[in-house]
N, C-alpha and C. Protein backbone atom coordinates (compact mmCIF):
# COMPACT_ATOMS: atom_id res chain seq x y z
N MET A 1 35.39 13.01 -11.16
CA MET A 1 34.76 14.02 -11.96
C MET A 1 34.92 13.70 -13.44
N SER A 2 36.02 13.09 -13.83
CA SER A 2 36.25 12.77 -15.24
C SER A 2 35.27 11.70 -15.71
N PHE A 3 34.91 10.78 -14.82
CA PHE A 3 33.94 9.75 -15.19
C PHE A 3 32.60 10.40 -15.54
N LEU A 4 32.19 11.39 -14.76
CA LEU A 4 30.93 12.08 -15.00
C LEU A 4 30.98 12.84 -16.32
N ASN A 5 32.09 13.48 -16.63
CA ASN A 5 32.24 14.20 -17.91
C ASN A 5 32.16 13.24 -19.08
N VAL A 6 32.83 12.09 -18.98
CA VAL A 6 32.80 11.09 -20.05
C VAL A 6 31.39 10.57 -20.23
N PHE A 7 30.71 10.28 -19.13
CA PHE A 7 29.35 9.75 -19.19
C PHE A 7 28.41 10.75 -19.86
N LEU A 8 28.50 12.02 -19.46
CA LEU A 8 27.62 13.04 -20.05
C LEU A 8 27.93 13.27 -21.52
N THR A 9 29.18 13.20 -21.89
CA THR A 9 29.56 13.36 -23.30
C THR A 9 28.99 12.22 -24.13
N ASN A 10 29.12 10.99 -23.64
CA ASN A 10 28.58 9.83 -24.36
C ASN A 10 27.06 9.91 -24.46
N LEU A 11 26.42 10.40 -23.40
CA LEU A 11 24.97 10.53 -23.41
C LEU A 11 24.53 11.57 -24.43
N ALA A 12 25.24 12.69 -24.51
CA ALA A 12 24.93 13.73 -25.48
C ALA A 12 25.14 13.22 -26.90
N ASP A 13 26.21 12.46 -27.14
CA ASP A 13 26.48 11.90 -28.47
C ASP A 13 25.38 10.92 -28.88
N ALA A 14 24.93 10.10 -27.94
CA ALA A 14 23.87 9.13 -28.24
C ALA A 14 22.57 9.84 -28.56
N ALA A 15 22.27 10.92 -27.86
CA ALA A 15 21.04 11.68 -28.12
C ALA A 15 21.12 12.34 -29.49
N ALA A 16 22.28 12.86 -29.85
CA ALA A 16 22.44 13.49 -31.16
C ALA A 16 22.30 12.47 -32.28
N GLU A 17 22.86 11.27 -32.09
CA GLU A 17 22.75 10.22 -33.11
C GLU A 17 21.30 9.79 -33.28
N THR A 18 20.57 9.68 -32.19
CA THR A 18 19.16 9.27 -32.25
C THR A 18 18.35 10.32 -32.98
N THR A 19 18.62 11.59 -32.71
CA THR A 19 17.89 12.68 -33.36
C THR A 19 18.17 12.70 -34.85
N THR A 20 19.43 12.54 -35.24
CA THR A 20 19.77 12.56 -36.66
C THR A 20 19.22 11.31 -37.36
N ALA A 21 19.19 10.17 -36.66
CA ALA A 21 18.65 8.95 -37.26
C ALA A 21 17.16 9.08 -37.47
N ALA A 22 16.46 9.69 -36.53
CA ALA A 22 15.01 9.87 -36.67
C ALA A 22 14.71 10.86 -37.79
N ALA A 23 15.54 11.89 -37.91
CA ALA A 23 15.31 12.89 -38.95
C ALA A 23 15.60 12.30 -40.33
N SER A 24 16.60 11.47 -40.45
CA SER A 24 16.94 10.90 -41.75
C SER A 24 15.97 9.80 -42.16
N SER A 25 15.29 9.18 -41.22
CA SER A 25 14.36 8.10 -41.57
C SER A 25 13.02 8.64 -42.03
N GLY A 26 12.78 9.93 -41.86
CA GLY A 26 11.53 10.52 -42.32
C GLY A 26 10.42 10.37 -41.29
N PHE A 27 10.73 10.09 -40.07
CA PHE A 27 9.74 9.92 -39.01
C PHE A 27 9.48 11.29 -38.37
N HIS A 28 8.37 11.91 -38.75
CA HIS A 28 8.01 13.21 -38.21
C HIS A 28 6.56 13.16 -37.74
N LEU A 29 6.29 13.80 -36.62
CA LEU A 29 4.92 13.88 -36.11
C LEU A 29 4.38 15.27 -36.41
N SER A 30 3.20 15.29 -36.97
CA SER A 30 2.57 16.59 -37.22
C SER A 30 1.83 17.04 -35.96
N ALA A 31 1.34 18.26 -35.98
CA ALA A 31 0.63 18.81 -34.82
C ALA A 31 -0.65 18.02 -34.55
N THR A 32 -1.32 17.56 -35.61
CA THR A 32 -2.56 16.79 -35.41
C THR A 32 -2.26 15.43 -34.79
N ASP A 33 -1.13 14.82 -35.17
CA ASP A 33 -0.75 13.54 -34.57
C ASP A 33 -0.47 13.70 -33.08
N ILE A 34 0.24 14.74 -32.74
CA ILE A 34 0.56 14.99 -31.33
C ILE A 34 -0.72 15.27 -30.54
N THR A 35 -1.61 16.07 -31.12
CA THR A 35 -2.88 16.37 -30.46
C THR A 35 -3.71 15.11 -30.27
N LEU A 36 -3.75 14.26 -31.28
CA LEU A 36 -4.51 13.00 -31.19
C LEU A 36 -3.94 12.10 -30.10
N ILE A 37 -2.63 12.02 -30.02
CA ILE A 37 -1.99 11.20 -28.98
C ILE A 37 -2.33 11.75 -27.59
N LEU A 38 -2.25 13.08 -27.44
CA LEU A 38 -2.59 13.69 -26.16
C LEU A 38 -4.04 13.44 -25.77
N VAL A 39 -4.96 13.53 -26.73
CA VAL A 39 -6.37 13.29 -26.45
C VAL A 39 -6.59 11.85 -26.01
N VAL A 40 -5.95 10.92 -26.66
CA VAL A 40 -6.10 9.50 -26.30
C VAL A 40 -5.54 9.24 -24.90
N VAL A 41 -4.38 9.80 -24.60
CA VAL A 41 -3.78 9.62 -23.28
C VAL A 41 -4.66 10.24 -22.20
N LEU A 42 -5.18 11.45 -22.44
CA LEU A 42 -6.05 12.10 -21.47
C LEU A 42 -7.35 11.32 -21.28
N ALA A 43 -7.92 10.79 -22.36
CA ALA A 43 -9.15 10.00 -22.25
C ALA A 43 -8.90 8.73 -21.43
N ALA A 44 -7.75 8.10 -21.63
CA ALA A 44 -7.41 6.91 -20.85
C ALA A 44 -7.24 7.27 -19.37
N ALA A 45 -6.61 8.41 -19.10
CA ALA A 45 -6.43 8.83 -17.70
C ALA A 45 -7.77 9.14 -17.04
N VAL A 46 -8.67 9.82 -17.74
CA VAL A 46 -9.99 10.13 -17.19
C VAL A 46 -10.78 8.85 -16.93
N ALA A 47 -10.72 7.91 -17.86
CA ALA A 47 -11.43 6.63 -17.67
C ALA A 47 -10.86 5.87 -16.48
N ALA A 48 -9.54 5.87 -16.34
CA ALA A 48 -8.91 5.18 -15.20
C ALA A 48 -9.33 5.83 -13.89
N LEU A 49 -9.34 7.16 -13.84
CA LEU A 49 -9.77 7.87 -12.63
C LEU A 49 -11.24 7.62 -12.32
N PHE A 50 -12.08 7.52 -13.35
CA PHE A 50 -13.50 7.25 -13.14
C PHE A 50 -13.70 5.89 -12.49
N PHE A 51 -13.06 4.87 -13.05
CA PHE A 51 -13.23 3.52 -12.50
C PHE A 51 -12.58 3.39 -11.12
N LEU A 52 -11.45 4.05 -10.91
CA LEU A 52 -10.81 4.06 -9.60
C LEU A 52 -11.70 4.73 -8.57
N SER A 53 -12.35 5.81 -8.96
CA SER A 53 -13.27 6.52 -8.06
C SER A 53 -14.47 5.64 -7.71
N ARG A 54 -15.02 4.96 -8.69
CA ARG A 54 -16.16 4.06 -8.41
C ARG A 54 -15.74 2.95 -7.46
N TRP A 55 -14.56 2.39 -7.66
CA TRP A 55 -14.07 1.31 -6.79
C TRP A 55 -13.87 1.82 -5.36
N ALA A 56 -13.25 3.00 -5.24
CA ALA A 56 -13.00 3.57 -3.91
C ALA A 56 -14.31 3.91 -3.20
N THR A 57 -15.27 4.43 -3.93
CA THR A 57 -16.57 4.77 -3.34
C THR A 57 -17.28 3.53 -2.85
N SER A 58 -17.27 2.46 -3.63
CA SER A 58 -17.94 1.23 -3.20
C SER A 58 -17.23 0.63 -1.98
N LYS A 59 -15.89 0.70 -1.95
CA LYS A 59 -15.15 0.20 -0.80
C LYS A 59 -15.45 1.02 0.44
N TYR A 60 -15.53 2.33 0.29
CA TYR A 60 -15.86 3.23 1.41
C TYR A 60 -17.27 2.92 1.94
N ASP A 61 -18.22 2.73 1.03
CA ASP A 61 -19.60 2.42 1.45
C ASP A 61 -19.66 1.10 2.21
N ASP A 62 -18.91 0.09 1.75
CA ASP A 62 -18.87 -1.20 2.45
C ASP A 62 -18.29 -1.03 3.86
N GLN A 63 -17.23 -0.24 3.96
CA GLN A 63 -16.62 -0.01 5.27
C GLN A 63 -17.56 0.74 6.20
N GLN A 64 -18.29 1.72 5.68
CA GLN A 64 -19.22 2.48 6.51
C GLN A 64 -20.38 1.60 7.00
N THR A 65 -20.89 0.72 6.14
CA THR A 65 -21.97 -0.16 6.59
C THR A 65 -21.46 -1.12 7.67
N GLN A 66 -20.24 -1.60 7.51
CA GLN A 66 -19.67 -2.49 8.52
C GLN A 66 -19.45 -1.74 9.84
N ILE A 67 -18.98 -0.51 9.77
CA ILE A 67 -18.78 0.30 10.98
C ILE A 67 -20.13 0.55 11.66
N ASN A 68 -21.15 0.90 10.89
CA ASN A 68 -22.46 1.17 11.47
C ASN A 68 -23.07 -0.07 12.11
N ARG A 69 -22.79 -1.25 11.56
CA ARG A 69 -23.28 -2.49 12.17
C ARG A 69 -22.57 -2.80 13.48
N MET A 70 -21.29 -2.47 13.56
CA MET A 70 -20.47 -2.88 14.70
C MET A 70 -20.41 -1.85 15.82
N LYS A 71 -20.88 -0.64 15.61
CA LYS A 71 -20.66 0.40 16.62
C LYS A 71 -21.50 0.17 17.88
N GLN A 72 -20.88 0.53 19.00
CA GLN A 72 -21.50 0.41 20.32
C GLN A 72 -21.33 1.74 21.04
N SER A 73 -22.31 2.08 21.84
CA SER A 73 -22.23 3.30 22.61
C SER A 73 -21.66 2.97 23.98
N THR A 74 -20.64 3.72 24.40
CA THR A 74 -20.00 3.46 25.68
C THR A 74 -19.41 4.76 26.23
N THR A 75 -19.15 4.78 27.52
CA THR A 75 -18.51 5.92 28.14
C THR A 75 -17.03 5.64 28.28
N ILE A 76 -16.20 6.59 27.85
CA ILE A 76 -14.76 6.44 27.93
C ILE A 76 -14.17 7.63 28.68
N TYR A 77 -13.05 7.40 29.33
CA TYR A 77 -12.30 8.47 29.97
C TYR A 77 -11.07 8.73 29.11
N VAL A 78 -10.99 9.90 28.51
CA VAL A 78 -9.89 10.24 27.59
C VAL A 78 -8.67 10.64 28.40
N ILE A 79 -7.59 9.89 28.21
CA ILE A 79 -6.34 10.15 28.92
C ILE A 79 -5.46 11.13 28.13
N SER A 80 -5.26 10.84 26.85
CA SER A 80 -4.43 11.71 26.02
C SER A 80 -4.81 11.56 24.56
N LYS A 81 -4.34 12.51 23.75
CA LYS A 81 -4.55 12.50 22.31
C LYS A 81 -3.20 12.66 21.62
N LYS A 82 -3.04 12.00 20.45
CA LYS A 82 -1.79 12.12 19.68
C LYS A 82 -2.12 12.14 18.20
N HIS A 83 -1.35 12.92 17.45
CA HIS A 83 -1.37 12.88 16.00
C HIS A 83 0.00 12.36 15.58
N ASP A 84 0.08 11.06 15.29
CA ASP A 84 1.38 10.43 15.10
C ASP A 84 1.24 9.26 14.13
N LYS A 85 2.38 8.65 13.81
CA LYS A 85 2.39 7.45 12.97
C LYS A 85 1.98 6.25 13.81
N ALA A 86 1.41 5.24 13.15
CA ALA A 86 0.91 4.07 13.85
C ALA A 86 2.03 3.28 14.53
N GLU A 87 3.22 3.32 13.97
CA GLU A 87 4.33 2.56 14.56
C GLU A 87 4.83 3.18 15.86
N ASN A 88 4.53 4.47 16.08
CA ASN A 88 4.98 5.16 17.29
C ASN A 88 3.97 5.09 18.43
N VAL A 89 2.82 4.48 18.17
CA VAL A 89 1.75 4.41 19.15
C VAL A 89 1.60 2.97 19.61
N ASN A 90 1.15 2.80 20.83
CA ASN A 90 1.00 1.47 21.41
C ASN A 90 -0.28 0.81 20.92
N LEU A 91 -0.26 0.29 19.69
CA LEU A 91 -1.40 -0.44 19.14
C LEU A 91 -1.16 -1.94 19.29
N PRO A 92 -2.24 -2.74 19.39
CA PRO A 92 -2.04 -4.19 19.46
C PRO A 92 -1.31 -4.72 18.22
N LYS A 93 -0.54 -5.78 18.41
CA LYS A 93 0.27 -6.35 17.33
C LYS A 93 -0.60 -6.81 16.16
N VAL A 94 -1.77 -7.35 16.45
CA VAL A 94 -2.68 -7.83 15.41
C VAL A 94 -3.11 -6.67 14.50
N VAL A 95 -3.36 -5.53 15.09
CA VAL A 95 -3.79 -4.36 14.32
C VAL A 95 -2.67 -3.88 13.41
N THR A 96 -1.45 -3.78 13.92
CA THR A 96 -0.33 -3.30 13.10
C THR A 96 0.01 -4.28 11.98
N GLU A 97 -0.20 -5.57 12.20
CA GLU A 97 0.06 -6.55 11.15
C GLU A 97 -0.96 -6.46 10.03
N GLN A 98 -2.22 -6.15 10.36
CA GLN A 98 -3.27 -6.09 9.36
C GLN A 98 -3.32 -4.74 8.64
N MET A 99 -2.60 -3.77 9.13
CA MET A 99 -2.63 -2.44 8.56
C MET A 99 -1.91 -2.44 7.21
N PRO A 100 -2.47 -1.74 6.20
CA PRO A 100 -1.77 -1.65 4.91
C PRO A 100 -0.43 -0.95 5.05
N LYS A 101 0.46 -1.19 4.11
CA LYS A 101 1.82 -0.63 4.19
C LYS A 101 1.81 0.89 4.24
N LEU A 102 0.96 1.53 3.43
CA LEU A 102 0.89 2.99 3.45
C LEU A 102 0.36 3.50 4.78
N GLY A 103 -0.56 2.77 5.38
CA GLY A 103 -1.15 3.18 6.65
C GLY A 103 -0.14 3.20 7.78
N LYS A 104 0.90 2.39 7.69
CA LYS A 104 1.91 2.35 8.74
C LYS A 104 2.75 3.62 8.78
N PHE A 105 2.88 4.31 7.64
CA PHE A 105 3.73 5.49 7.57
C PHE A 105 2.94 6.80 7.59
N MET A 106 1.61 6.71 7.51
CA MET A 106 0.77 7.91 7.55
C MET A 106 0.55 8.35 8.98
N LYS A 107 0.43 9.65 9.17
CA LYS A 107 0.07 10.15 10.49
C LYS A 107 -1.43 10.04 10.65
N MET A 108 -1.85 9.54 11.81
CA MET A 108 -3.27 9.38 12.10
C MET A 108 -3.56 9.98 13.46
N TYR A 109 -4.84 10.06 13.78
CA TYR A 109 -5.27 10.62 15.05
C TYR A 109 -5.58 9.49 16.03
N PHE A 110 -4.89 9.50 17.16
CA PHE A 110 -5.04 8.46 18.17
C PHE A 110 -5.50 9.08 19.48
N VAL A 111 -6.33 8.32 20.20
CA VAL A 111 -6.81 8.73 21.51
C VAL A 111 -6.53 7.59 22.47
N GLN A 112 -5.84 7.88 23.55
CA GLN A 112 -5.62 6.87 24.58
C GLN A 112 -6.72 7.08 25.61
N ALA A 113 -7.53 6.01 25.81
CA ALA A 113 -8.70 6.15 26.67
C ALA A 113 -8.82 4.93 27.59
N LYS A 114 -9.51 5.16 28.69
CA LYS A 114 -9.78 4.08 29.64
C LYS A 114 -11.24 3.67 29.45
N ILE A 115 -11.43 2.42 29.06
CA ILE A 115 -12.78 1.86 28.90
C ILE A 115 -12.91 0.76 29.92
N GLY A 116 -13.70 1.02 30.93
CA GLY A 116 -13.79 0.07 32.03
C GLY A 116 -12.44 0.02 32.72
N PRO A 117 -11.90 -1.19 32.97
CA PRO A 117 -10.59 -1.28 33.63
C PRO A 117 -9.40 -1.21 32.67
N GLN A 118 -9.66 -1.23 31.35
CA GLN A 118 -8.57 -1.30 30.37
C GLN A 118 -8.22 0.08 29.83
N ILE A 119 -6.93 0.27 29.56
CA ILE A 119 -6.47 1.46 28.86
C ILE A 119 -6.16 1.03 27.43
N ILE A 120 -6.85 1.66 26.47
CA ILE A 120 -6.78 1.25 25.07
C ILE A 120 -6.45 2.46 24.20
N THR A 121 -5.68 2.23 23.14
CA THR A 121 -5.42 3.26 22.15
C THR A 121 -6.45 3.10 21.03
N LEU A 122 -7.18 4.17 20.76
CA LEU A 122 -8.24 4.15 19.75
C LEU A 122 -7.87 5.09 18.61
N ILE A 123 -8.46 4.83 17.44
CA ILE A 123 -8.21 5.62 16.24
C ILE A 123 -9.45 6.47 15.97
N THR A 124 -9.25 7.71 15.53
CA THR A 124 -10.37 8.58 15.19
C THR A 124 -10.08 9.30 13.88
N ASP A 125 -11.08 10.05 13.42
CA ASP A 125 -10.80 10.94 12.30
C ASP A 125 -10.64 12.36 12.86
N LYS A 126 -10.29 13.30 12.00
CA LYS A 126 -9.89 14.63 12.45
C LYS A 126 -11.01 15.36 13.19
N ASN A 127 -12.25 15.28 12.69
CA ASN A 127 -13.35 16.01 13.31
C ASN A 127 -13.62 15.52 14.72
N VAL A 128 -13.62 14.21 14.92
CA VAL A 128 -13.85 13.64 16.25
C VAL A 128 -12.67 13.97 17.15
N TYR A 129 -11.47 13.87 16.63
CA TYR A 129 -10.25 14.15 17.39
C TYR A 129 -10.27 15.57 17.95
N ASN A 130 -10.66 16.53 17.12
CA ASN A 130 -10.67 17.92 17.55
C ASN A 130 -11.74 18.19 18.60
N ALA A 131 -12.82 17.41 18.60
CA ALA A 131 -13.94 17.66 19.52
C ALA A 131 -13.77 16.93 20.86
N ILE A 132 -12.85 15.98 20.94
CA ILE A 132 -12.70 15.20 22.17
C ILE A 132 -11.94 16.01 23.22
N PRO A 133 -12.52 16.18 24.40
CA PRO A 133 -11.79 16.85 25.48
C PRO A 133 -10.87 15.86 26.20
N VAL A 134 -9.73 16.33 26.68
CA VAL A 134 -8.78 15.48 27.38
C VAL A 134 -9.10 15.51 28.88
N LYS A 135 -8.85 14.38 29.54
CA LYS A 135 -9.04 14.22 30.99
C LYS A 135 -10.52 14.38 31.39
N LYS A 136 -11.43 13.90 30.53
CA LYS A 136 -12.85 13.96 30.83
C LYS A 136 -13.53 12.69 30.36
N ASN A 137 -14.68 12.37 30.99
CA ASN A 137 -15.52 11.27 30.54
C ASN A 137 -16.34 11.74 29.35
N VAL A 138 -16.42 10.88 28.34
CA VAL A 138 -17.12 11.22 27.11
C VAL A 138 -17.97 10.02 26.70
N LYS A 139 -19.18 10.28 26.23
CA LYS A 139 -20.02 9.21 25.69
C LYS A 139 -19.69 9.09 24.21
N ALA A 140 -19.18 7.92 23.80
CA ALA A 140 -18.70 7.74 22.44
C ALA A 140 -19.31 6.50 21.81
N GLU A 141 -19.42 6.52 20.49
CA GLU A 141 -19.79 5.33 19.72
C GLU A 141 -18.50 4.74 19.15
N ILE A 142 -18.23 3.49 19.49
CA ILE A 142 -16.98 2.85 19.11
C ILE A 142 -17.27 1.61 18.28
N ALA A 143 -16.51 1.43 17.20
CA ALA A 143 -16.58 0.22 16.38
C ALA A 143 -15.17 -0.37 16.37
N GLY A 144 -14.94 -1.40 17.17
CA GLY A 144 -13.61 -1.99 17.28
C GLY A 144 -12.68 -1.02 17.97
N LEU A 145 -11.62 -0.58 17.28
CA LEU A 145 -10.68 0.40 17.82
C LEU A 145 -10.89 1.78 17.21
N TYR A 146 -12.04 1.99 16.59
CA TYR A 146 -12.32 3.24 15.88
C TYR A 146 -13.44 4.00 16.59
N ILE A 147 -13.18 5.26 16.95
CA ILE A 147 -14.22 6.09 17.54
C ILE A 147 -15.01 6.71 16.39
N VAL A 148 -16.28 6.32 16.28
CA VAL A 148 -17.13 6.78 15.19
C VAL A 148 -17.62 8.19 15.45
N SER A 149 -18.16 8.43 16.66
CA SER A 149 -18.68 9.75 16.98
C SER A 149 -18.70 9.95 18.48
N ILE A 150 -18.91 11.19 18.85
CA ILE A 150 -18.97 11.59 20.25
C ILE A 150 -20.34 12.21 20.48
N ALA A 151 -20.96 11.92 21.61
CA ALA A 151 -22.22 12.55 21.94
C ALA A 151 -21.99 14.04 22.14
N GLY A 152 -22.80 14.86 21.52
CA GLY A 152 -22.63 16.30 21.63
C GLY A 152 -21.49 16.82 20.79
N LEU A 153 -21.15 16.13 19.70
CA LEU A 153 -20.05 16.54 18.83
C LEU A 153 -20.35 17.90 18.21
N LYS A 154 -19.40 18.80 18.27
CA LYS A 154 -19.58 20.14 17.74
C LYS A 154 -19.05 20.19 16.32
N SER A 155 -19.68 21.04 15.50
CA SER A 155 -19.23 21.18 14.11
C SER A 155 -17.94 22.01 14.08
N ALA A 156 -17.32 22.02 12.93
CA ALA A 156 -16.06 22.75 12.76
C ALA A 156 -16.28 24.25 12.98
N ASP A 157 -17.44 24.77 12.51
CA ASP A 157 -17.73 26.20 12.70
C ASP A 157 -17.88 26.54 14.18
N GLN A 158 -18.56 25.68 14.93
CA GLN A 158 -18.72 25.92 16.36
C GLN A 158 -17.37 25.89 17.07
N MET A 159 -16.52 24.96 16.67
CA MET A 159 -15.18 24.86 17.28
C MET A 159 -14.38 26.15 16.99
N LYS A 160 -14.45 26.66 15.75
CA LYS A 160 -13.74 27.90 15.40
C LYS A 160 -14.25 29.07 16.21
N LYS A 161 -15.58 29.16 16.35
CA LYS A 161 -16.16 30.26 17.13
C LYS A 161 -15.71 30.20 18.58
N GLU A 162 -15.67 28.98 19.15
CA GLU A 162 -15.22 28.84 20.54
C GLU A 162 -13.77 29.26 20.70
N ARG A 163 -12.91 28.84 19.78
CA ARG A 163 -11.49 29.21 19.84
C ARG A 163 -11.32 30.73 19.73
N LYS A 164 -12.10 31.33 18.82
CA LYS A 164 -12.03 32.78 18.63
C LYS A 164 -12.49 33.50 19.89
N ALA A 165 -13.57 33.01 20.50
CA ALA A 165 -14.09 33.63 21.73
C ALA A 165 -13.07 33.50 22.87
N LYS A 166 -12.40 32.35 22.96
CA LYS A 166 -11.38 32.17 24.00
C LYS A 166 -10.22 33.13 23.80
N LYS A 167 -9.79 33.32 22.55
CA LYS A 167 -8.69 34.24 22.26
C LYS A 167 -9.08 35.67 22.62
N GLU A 168 -10.31 36.06 22.25
CA GLU A 168 -10.76 37.42 22.57
C GLU A 168 -10.86 37.62 24.08
N LYS A 169 -11.33 36.60 24.78
CA LYS A 169 -11.44 36.69 26.24
C LYS A 169 -10.05 36.83 26.87
N ALA A 170 -9.09 36.06 26.35
CA ALA A 170 -7.72 36.14 26.87
C ALA A 170 -7.12 37.52 26.60
N LYS A 171 -7.39 38.10 25.44
CA LYS A 171 -6.89 39.43 25.12
C LYS A 171 -7.50 40.47 26.05
N ALA A 172 -8.81 40.33 26.28
CA ALA A 172 -9.50 41.28 27.16
C ALA A 172 -8.95 41.19 28.59
N GLU A 173 -8.70 39.97 29.06
CA GLU A 173 -8.13 39.78 30.39
C GLU A 173 -6.72 40.37 30.48
N ALA A 174 -5.95 40.21 29.41
CA ALA A 174 -4.59 40.76 29.38
C ALA A 174 -4.64 42.29 29.42
N LYS A 175 -5.59 42.90 28.69
CA LYS A 175 -5.74 44.35 28.71
C LYS A 175 -6.13 44.83 30.11
N ALA A 176 -7.07 44.10 30.72
CA ALA A 176 -7.52 44.48 32.05
C ALA A 176 -6.37 44.38 33.06
N ALA A 177 -5.54 43.34 32.91
CA ALA A 177 -4.40 43.19 33.81
C ALA A 177 -3.41 44.33 33.63
N LYS A 178 -3.19 44.79 32.39
CA LYS A 178 -2.28 45.91 32.14
C LYS A 178 -2.82 47.21 32.75
N LYS A 179 -4.13 47.41 32.63
CA LYS A 179 -4.73 48.62 33.20
C LYS A 179 -4.64 48.62 34.72
N ASN A 180 -4.81 47.44 35.32
CA ASN A 180 -4.73 47.33 36.77
C ASN A 180 -3.32 47.61 37.28
N LYS A 181 -2.30 47.26 36.48
CA LYS A 181 -0.92 47.51 36.88
C LYS A 181 -0.60 48.99 36.87
N LYS A 182 -1.22 49.73 35.97
CA LYS A 182 -0.92 51.16 35.85
C LYS A 182 -1.64 51.88 36.94
């Protein structure tokens, strides 16, 4: 504990010396100088975000054109679905080696499906993942290990309405069961 007290005391003394040295040297920033610095920093940040956005958009467009070129329509039997990290799922070694470092630690949507005689783990996005039924045959468009779309894919609003209708039906059945018991 004494080491920490000594360290903090020395740090406070150094900060006080720096402040007094800056004050004695006549180095003062006016409000306009501070405002000008802030404007320049903000302009640089906006410019960086603009160019980063353009780069990301062009990369996304290239990936989408490649996916659209490679996609095939096939029937798959969905065995299970998982929302997990890539390292916890049975993906081929080649895929995990080519995956970016951030992608290895992000949670993604995986579908384990049987395509022909093979059982394969496929990657999807959230909308497709939510629309895929488990233990059923589904007609899907696949590009490599990525499920692009499902035939008869329902929108998010339709999915919400169906869930709401199921909940209301379950409540009505529960009420009817209570009335029958009485």
